[in-house]
Protein backbone atom coordinates (compact mmCIF):
# COMPACT_ATOMS: atom_id res chain seq x y z
CA MET A 1 135.01 141.84 171.64
CA SER A 2 136.96 144.91 170.31
CA LEU A 3 140.59 145.48 170.80
CA ARG A 4 142.52 148.63 170.50
CA LEU A 5 146.07 148.64 169.02
CA ASP A 6 149.34 150.62 170.27
CA PRO A 7 150.33 154.06 168.83
CA THR A 8 152.30 153.95 165.73
CA PHE A 9 156.15 154.91 165.80
CA ARG A 10 154.84 157.81 163.72
CA ASP A 11 152.33 158.69 166.48
CA ARG A 12 155.11 158.45 169.26
CA LEU A 13 157.62 160.58 167.33
CA ALA A 14 154.83 163.17 166.84
CA ALA A 15 154.24 163.16 170.93
CA SER A 16 157.84 163.00 171.90
CA PRO A 17 159.56 166.19 173.20
CA ARG A 18 162.87 164.58 172.58
CA PRO A 19 164.90 162.23 170.23
CA LEU A 20 163.79 158.43 170.44
CA VAL A 21 166.65 156.14 171.26
CA GLY A 22 166.71 152.64 170.31
CA MET A 23 168.76 149.51 169.49
CA TRP A 24 168.70 146.63 166.87
CA VAL A 25 167.45 143.23 167.84
CA CYS A 26 169.29 140.74 165.45
CA SER A 27 169.83 137.58 167.39
CA GLY A 28 166.37 136.05 166.39
CA SER A 29 165.61 135.33 169.93
CA PRO A 30 162.45 136.30 171.55
CA LEU A 31 163.88 135.96 175.16
CA VAL A 32 166.83 138.45 174.02
CA ALA A 33 164.20 140.63 172.68
CA GLU A 34 162.22 140.65 175.58
CA ILE A 35 165.48 141.43 177.68
CA CYS A 36 166.11 144.61 175.41
CA ALA A 37 162.43 145.45 175.58
CA GLY A 38 162.61 145.82 179.43
CA ALA A 39 165.78 147.78 179.26
CA GLY A 40 163.93 151.26 179.32
CA LEU A 41 164.81 152.45 175.47
CA ASP A 42 162.02 153.68 173.37
CA TRP A 43 162.18 151.78 170.71
CA LEU A 44 163.51 148.43 168.93
CA LEU A 45 164.28 147.59 165.55
CA ILE A 46 163.86 144.04 164.75
CA ASP A 47 165.61 143.07 161.94
CA MET A 48 164.91 140.52 159.07
CA GLU A 49 167.57 142.03 156.35
CA HIS A 50 170.76 141.13 158.03
CA SER A 51 169.77 138.68 160.82
CA PRO A 52 168.40 135.05 160.76
CA ASN A 53 164.86 136.17 161.51
CA THR A 54 162.23 134.27 159.66
CA LEU A 55 158.17 135.41 159.98
CA GLU A 56 157.97 133.19 162.70
CA SER A 57 160.83 134.37 164.82
CA THR A 58 159.70 138.01 164.19
CA LEU A 59 156.47 136.94 165.16
CA THR A 60 157.64 135.64 168.84
CA GLN A 61 159.78 138.63 169.03
CA LEU A 62 156.46 141.06 168.67
CA GLN A 63 154.62 138.99 171.02
CA ALA A 64 157.60 139.11 173.45
CA VAL A 65 158.15 142.59 173.70
CA ALA A 66 154.40 143.54 173.43
CA ALA A 67 154.11 143.67 177.26
CA TYR A 68 156.66 146.31 177.52
CA PRO A 69 156.48 150.22 176.98
CA VAL A 70 158.57 150.11 174.25
CA THR A 71 158.01 150.32 170.18
CA PRO A 72 158.90 147.59 168.03
CA VAL A 73 159.73 148.47 164.07
CA VAL A 74 160.32 145.59 161.86
CA ARG A 75 163.01 146.04 158.92
CA VAL A 76 161.67 143.82 156.08
CA PRO A 77 164.43 142.15 154.06
CA ILE A 78 163.22 144.00 150.87
CA GLY A 79 160.82 146.35 149.42
CA ASP A 80 158.49 143.66 147.99
CA VAL A 81 154.68 143.58 147.93
CA VAL A 82 154.45 140.03 149.42
CA ALA A 83 157.30 140.50 151.95
CA ILE A 84 155.47 143.68 153.39
CA LYS A 85 152.22 141.99 153.26
CA GLN A 86 153.23 138.99 155.56
CA VAL A 87 154.91 141.14 158.05
CA LEU A 88 152.07 143.48 158.30
CA ASP A 89 149.89 140.55 158.84
CA LEU A 90 152.13 139.26 161.44
CA GLY A 91 150.97 142.39 163.38
CA ALA A 92 154.08 144.61 162.88
CA GLN A 93 152.41 148.20 163.06
CA ASN A 94 155.89 149.68 162.03
CA ILE A 95 158.11 148.66 159.30
CA LEU A 96 161.48 149.89 157.99
CA VAL A 97 161.91 149.36 154.06
CA PRO A 98 166.17 149.09 153.18
CA MET A 99 167.63 150.54 150.13
CA ILE A 100 165.27 153.40 149.30
CA SER A 101 166.84 155.40 146.57
CA SER A 102 164.39 157.29 144.38
CA ALA A 103 160.85 158.79 145.00
CA ASP A 104 159.58 155.72 142.69
CA ASP A 105 160.93 153.32 145.07
CA ALA A 106 159.15 155.27 147.77
CA ARG A 107 155.76 155.39 146.09
CA THR A 108 156.11 151.55 145.47
CA VAL A 109 156.26 150.73 149.09
CA VAL A 110 153.78 153.05 149.93
CA GLU A 111 151.29 150.88 147.59
CA ALA A 112 152.52 147.94 149.54
CA VAL A 113 151.12 148.93 153.03
CA ARG A 114 147.96 150.20 151.57
CA TYR A 115 144.65 148.27 150.85
CA PRO A 116 142.93 149.09 147.40
CA PRO A 117 142.09 151.52 145.93
CA ARG A 118 144.85 153.50 147.11
CA GLY A 119 147.52 150.61 147.49
CA ARG A 120 148.08 146.72 146.64
CA ARG A 121 148.11 145.28 150.08
CA GLY A 122 146.29 142.01 150.04
CA VAL A 123 143.28 141.75 152.25
CA GLY A 124 143.40 139.02 154.79
CA SER A 125 142.64 140.71 158.05
CA ALA A 126 140.31 138.09 159.24
CA LEU A 127 143.14 135.52 159.15
CA ALA A 128 145.77 137.65 160.58
CA ARG A 129 147.37 139.24 163.88
CA SER A 130 147.43 142.45 162.23
CA ALA A 131 143.57 143.03 162.98
CA ARG A 132 143.79 140.57 165.83
CA TRP A 133 141.65 138.49 163.77
CA ASN A 134 139.03 140.99 163.25
CA ARG A 135 138.81 142.19 166.76
CA VAL A 136 140.02 145.45 166.01
CA ASP A 137 136.83 147.48 164.92
CA ASP A 138 137.10 149.05 161.19
CA TYR A 139 140.55 147.59 160.84
CA LEU A 140 140.36 147.88 157.00
CA THR A 141 139.01 151.42 157.06
CA ASP A 142 141.51 152.55 159.32
CA ALA A 143 144.42 150.52 158.38
CA ASP A 144 146.55 153.46 157.40
CA SER A 145 146.16 155.13 161.25
CA HIS A 146 147.47 151.56 162.62
CA VAL A 147 150.69 151.57 160.34
CA SER A 148 153.68 153.64 159.87
CA LEU A 149 156.04 153.24 157.10
CA PHE A 150 159.63 154.38 157.26
CA VAL A 151 162.46 154.06 154.64
CA GLN A 152 166.00 153.72 154.79
CA ILE A 153 168.53 155.91 152.52
CA GLU A 154 171.72 154.15 152.09
CA THR A 155 173.13 155.16 148.98
CA SER A 156 174.64 158.24 147.58
CA GLN A 157 171.78 158.04 145.10
CA GLY A 158 169.49 158.06 147.83
CA VAL A 159 171.00 161.04 149.82
CA GLU A 160 170.59 163.40 146.37
CA ALA A 161 166.90 162.35 146.23
CA ALA A 162 166.28 162.53 149.70
CA SER A 163 163.92 165.32 149.58
CA GLU A 164 161.82 164.26 147.02
CA ILE A 165 161.83 160.46 149.05
CA ALA A 166 160.51 162.09 152.29
CA ALA A 167 157.83 164.16 150.32
CA VAL A 168 156.24 160.92 148.95
CA ASP A 169 152.56 160.97 150.52
CA GLY A 170 152.61 157.76 152.78
CA ILE A 171 156.15 158.32 153.86
CA ASP A 172 156.62 159.05 157.96
CA GLY A 173 159.92 159.32 158.16
CA VAL A 174 163.39 158.59 156.53
CA PHE A 175 166.19 156.59 158.31
CA ILE A 176 169.83 157.10 157.23
CA GLY A 177 172.25 154.01 156.74
CA PRO A 178 175.73 155.24 157.30
CA SER A 179 177.18 151.62 156.80
CA ASP A 180 176.10 151.07 153.30
CA LEU A 181 175.98 154.82 152.37
CA SER A 182 179.96 154.69 153.20
CA ALA A 183 180.12 151.70 150.79
CA SER A 184 178.40 153.26 148.11
CA MET A 185 180.98 156.27 148.39
CA GLY A 186 183.77 153.98 147.93
CA LEU A 187 184.64 154.30 151.93
CA LEU A 188 183.45 150.96 152.80
CA GLY A 189 183.62 150.37 156.64
CA GLN A 190 184.00 154.14 157.20
CA GLN A 191 180.85 155.31 158.73
CA THR A 192 182.43 158.14 160.70
CA HIS A 193 184.68 159.20 157.50
CA PRO A 194 184.17 163.13 157.25
CA GLU A 195 182.54 162.74 153.56
CA VAL A 196 180.25 160.11 155.06
CA THR A 197 178.85 162.28 157.95
CA ALA A 198 178.62 165.16 155.66
CA ALA A 199 176.19 163.43 153.24
CA VAL A 200 174.30 161.93 156.34
CA VAL A 201 173.91 165.67 157.71
CA ARG A 202 172.87 166.84 153.89
CA ALA A 203 170.06 163.71 154.13
CA PHE A 204 168.89 165.17 157.33
CA ASP A 205 168.39 168.65 156.08
CA ALA A 206 166.92 167.60 153.07
CA VAL A 207 164.21 165.31 155.03
CA ARG A 208 163.40 167.86 157.71
CA ALA A 209 163.15 170.38 155.13
CA VAL A 210 159.81 168.61 153.83
CA GLY A 211 158.83 168.22 157.51
CA LYS A 212 159.51 164.59 158.02
CA PRO A 213 161.01 163.13 161.05
CA VAL A 214 164.71 161.71 160.38
CA GLY A 215 166.90 159.06 162.04
CA VAL A 216 170.22 157.47 161.91
CA ASN A 217 172.11 154.49 163.03
CA ALA A 218 175.38 155.40 164.98
CA PHE A 219 176.90 152.96 167.39
CA ASP A 220 179.72 155.57 167.96
CA PRO A 221 178.78 157.59 170.82
CA ASP A 222 180.56 160.70 169.42
CA ALA A 223 178.90 160.54 166.32
CA ALA A 224 175.65 159.49 167.97
CA GLU A 225 175.83 162.75 169.64
CA ALA A 226 176.68 164.92 166.93
CA TYR A 227 174.01 163.57 164.87
CA LEU A 228 171.69 164.33 167.83
CA ALA A 229 172.80 167.85 167.88
CA ALA A 230 172.01 167.82 164.11
CA GLY A 231 168.53 167.56 164.92
CA VAL A 232 167.71 163.83 164.34
CA SER A 233 164.49 162.78 165.72
CA PHE A 234 165.48 158.80 166.44
CA VAL A 235 168.70 157.10 166.61
CA LEU A 236 169.77 153.36 166.96
CA VAL A 237 172.77 153.43 169.38
CA GLY A 238 173.74 149.66 169.70
CA ALA A 239 172.97 146.07 168.82
CA ASP A 240 171.93 142.89 170.87
CA VAL A 241 174.64 140.74 168.89
CA ALA A 242 177.21 143.60 168.99
CA LEU A 243 177.05 144.16 172.94
CA LEU A 244 177.15 140.34 173.43
CA ALA A 245 180.23 140.20 171.08
CA ARG A 246 181.91 143.42 172.78
CA GLY A 247 180.97 142.01 176.62
CA SER A 248 182.20 138.57 175.83
CA GLU A 249 185.34 139.86 174.53
CA GLU A 250 185.67 142.08 177.67
CA LEU A 251 185.56 138.77 179.52
CA THR A 252 187.93 137.31 177.68
CA ALA A 253 190.45 140.31 178.09
CA ARG A 254 189.80 140.38 181.98
CA TRP A 255 190.10 136.88 182.78
CA LEU A 256 192.27 135.15 180.14
CA SER A 257 195.78 136.41 179.16
CA ARG A 258 196.03 136.75 175.37
CA ASP A 259 197.55 139.06 172.99
CA GLU A 260 195.33 141.88 171.99
CA GLY A 261 194.34 141.93 168.51
CA PRO A 262 193.91 144.98 165.97
CA GLU A 263 191.36 147.25 167.14
CA ARG A 264 187.98 147.11 165.26
CA SER A 265 187.05 150.32 163.09
CA SER A 266 183.61 149.36 162.68
CA TYR A 267 180.76 147.85 164.92
């Protein structure tokens, strides 16, 4: 019995005539992930860095969203060869690695997703969902075509090295994180500060100059529109937990009498 895997996020970006729009999935719930998967968005980011997700909950979310025409990307907690190997073996075809600030960082994670002799990924496809337990023909030979690797730039150092990072063979695209970037610039919590947005756009230009797609996180609609106008190929515009938090607050404001608290400047 032979099975085929879905196109990667790299493939979807290359084939799309427009930017791909997605949202974070951070709750750890496969039910919530499935609800989001059926909303009509292009892609979901299942987060293991700033969420309670474990290998088991990430697996159940990948299974839950597999029935829908949405592309899941898993953000691993760290660019560690073991962590990346385990997430790939779960069947994640698209991964995002945070806190990449140099070309050397990028080369290290490329090695982690590739089998020897080109990399250091451990060979366990017969035991793993990645190759559907050896039901995907020639998975070991063709593994690079089944996996896409994106890296996240979120420091001032990373912005300055954006072109070198993007140019590394095996990096399929770059995602800019304004939250940590603003912190690294001494502007904690000010993702839409003019200096931060200027640094983000500089990174866009550097990545696009070497022919790689670039994306960004932008919960603020005005910021998202500005970044789309600046030429991003993919964008995250919300998160399951943030939507639940804001939505439940709106219910409280409508149905319960209370004093309004200070307006939130962040998501």
